[in-house]
Amino acid sequence: MDEIKRERLQASGWSVGTAEEFLELSPAESELVELKLLLSKYLKKLRTSQNLSQQAVAERMNSSQSRVAKMESADSSVSVDLFVRTLFSIGATREDIAQAIIPSRS
């Protein structure tokens, strides 16, 4: 959020904080959420770069299209294990996955 918007909200009596504060997440829980978001983004990027549909990915992993959609939306019911197995099923390597979860320094 930009500083001007933050100041306007605070001047109007709103409390401004982070998602972690609002959800009362521990540092470990916050890191897990971030990890799943990064894996989700990478899955969609890899799938689209290979011109694969969600259904095609689902067939490779013996699952359903709706499960792939949940993965791409970082649904909380999706495990890190499922993300990794799915990424491997569409050709990702350990190095690719490691690169995908390294936070950008911007």
Protein backbone atom coordinates (compact mmCIF):
# COMPACT_ATOMS: atom_id res chain seq x y z
CA MET A 1 0.00 0.00 0.00
CA ASP A 2 1.35 3.42 -0.83
CA GLU A 3 2.11 5.82 2.01
CA ILE A 4 -0.55 8.40 1.03
CA LYS A 5 -3.31 5.83 1.12
CA ARG A 6 -2.03 4.48 4.45
CA GLU A 7 -2.04 7.99 5.96
CA ARG A 8 -5.58 8.70 4.68
CA LEU A 9 -6.90 5.47 6.16
CA GLN A 10 -5.22 6.09 9.50
CA ALA A 11 -6.52 9.68 9.57
CA SER A 12 -10.04 8.27 9.08
CA GLY A 13 -9.58 6.02 12.11
CA TRP A 14 -8.70 2.79 10.34
CA SER A 15 -6.04 0.48 11.69
CA VAL A 16 -3.49 -0.54 9.08
CA GLY A 17 -1.44 -3.71 9.45
CA THR A 18 -0.25 -6.79 7.66
CA ALA A 19 -2.16 -9.93 6.75
CA GLU A 20 0.03 -11.81 9.21
CA GLU A 21 -1.01 -9.49 12.03
CA PHE A 22 -4.70 -9.64 11.09
CA LEU A 23 -4.69 -13.45 10.88
CA GLU A 24 -2.39 -13.78 13.90
CA LEU A 25 0.01 -15.99 11.99
CA SER A 26 3.25 -17.17 13.52
CA PRO A 27 6.42 -16.53 11.51
CA ALA A 28 6.42 -20.21 10.46
CA GLU A 29 2.78 -20.05 9.32
CA SER A 30 3.48 -16.87 7.40
CA GLU A 31 6.43 -18.50 5.62
CA LEU A 32 4.28 -21.52 4.71
CA VAL A 33 1.62 -19.27 3.20
CA GLU A 34 4.29 -17.44 1.19
CA LEU A 35 5.81 -20.74 0.02
CA LYS A 36 2.44 -22.00 -1.20
CA LEU A 37 1.79 -18.73 -3.03
CA LEU A 38 5.14 -18.97 -4.82
CA LEU A 39 4.54 -22.61 -5.78
CA SER A 40 1.06 -21.73 -7.00
CA LYS A 41 2.36 -18.95 -9.23
CA TYR A 42 5.12 -21.16 -10.58
CA LEU A 43 2.69 -23.99 -11.36
CA LYS A 44 0.48 -21.70 -13.40
CA LYS A 45 3.47 -20.14 -15.16
CA LEU A 46 4.94 -23.55 -16.07
CA ARG A 47 1.57 -24.95 -17.14
CA THR A 48 0.80 -22.02 -19.42
CA SER A 49 4.32 -21.91 -20.85
CA GLN A 50 3.80 -25.52 -21.96
CA ASN A 51 0.34 -24.73 -23.34
CA LEU A 52 -1.20 -27.28 -20.99
CA SER A 53 -4.77 -27.03 -19.78
CA GLN A 54 -5.63 -27.63 -16.15
CA GLN A 55 -7.32 -30.83 -17.32
CA ALA A 56 -4.11 -32.03 -19.01
CA VAL A 57 -2.14 -31.44 -15.81
CA ALA A 58 -4.82 -33.22 -13.80
CA GLU A 59 -4.61 -36.26 -16.08
CA ARG A 60 -0.83 -36.44 -15.66
CA MET A 61 -1.20 -36.55 -11.89
CA ASN A 62 -4.35 -38.72 -11.79
CA SER A 63 -6.42 -35.97 -10.24
CA SER A 64 -9.16 -33.54 -11.26
CA GLN A 65 -9.18 -30.20 -13.06
CA SER A 66 -10.78 -28.60 -10.01
CA ARG A 67 -7.84 -29.75 -7.87
CA VAL A 68 -5.40 -28.08 -10.26
CA ALA A 69 -7.54 -24.92 -10.11
CA LYS A 70 -7.32 -25.04 -6.30
CA MET A 71 -3.57 -25.40 -6.56
CA GLU A 72 -3.30 -22.39 -8.85
CA SER A 73 -5.37 -20.33 -6.44
CA ALA A 74 -3.18 -21.45 -3.49
CA ASP A 75 -6.13 -23.02 -1.69
CA SER A 76 -5.23 -23.82 1.91
CA SER A 77 -6.28 -27.46 1.43
CA VAL A 78 -3.40 -28.08 -1.00
CA SER A 79 -0.25 -29.54 0.54
CA VAL A 80 3.29 -28.58 -0.38
CA ASP A 81 3.80 -32.27 -1.25
CA LEU A 82 1.02 -32.10 -3.85
CA PHE A 83 2.48 -28.93 -5.36
CA VAL A 84 5.90 -30.56 -5.72
CA ARG A 85 4.56 -33.85 -7.13
CA THR A 86 2.48 -31.91 -9.66
CA LEU A 87 5.40 -29.73 -10.70
CA PHE A 88 7.55 -32.83 -11.21
CA SER A 89 4.75 -34.40 -13.29
CA ILE A 90 4.92 -31.52 -15.77
CA GLY A 91 8.67 -31.49 -16.05
CA ALA A 92 9.98 -29.22 -13.31
CA THR A 93 13.30 -30.13 -11.73
CA ARG A 94 14.40 -29.62 -8.13
CA GLU A 95 16.49 -26.70 -9.34
CA ASP A 96 13.48 -25.14 -11.10
CA ILE A 97 11.41 -25.40 -7.93
CA ALA A 98 14.22 -24.01 -5.78
CA GLN A 99 14.54 -21.03 -8.14
CA ALA A 100 10.77 -20.47 -8.04
CA ILE A 101 10.64 -20.21 -4.25
CA ILE A 102 13.58 -17.84 -3.84
CA PRO A 103 12.02 -14.45 -3.02
CA SER A 104 12.76 -11.68 -5.50
CA ARG A 105 14.86 -8.83 -4.21
CA SER A 106 12.83 -5.95 -5.62
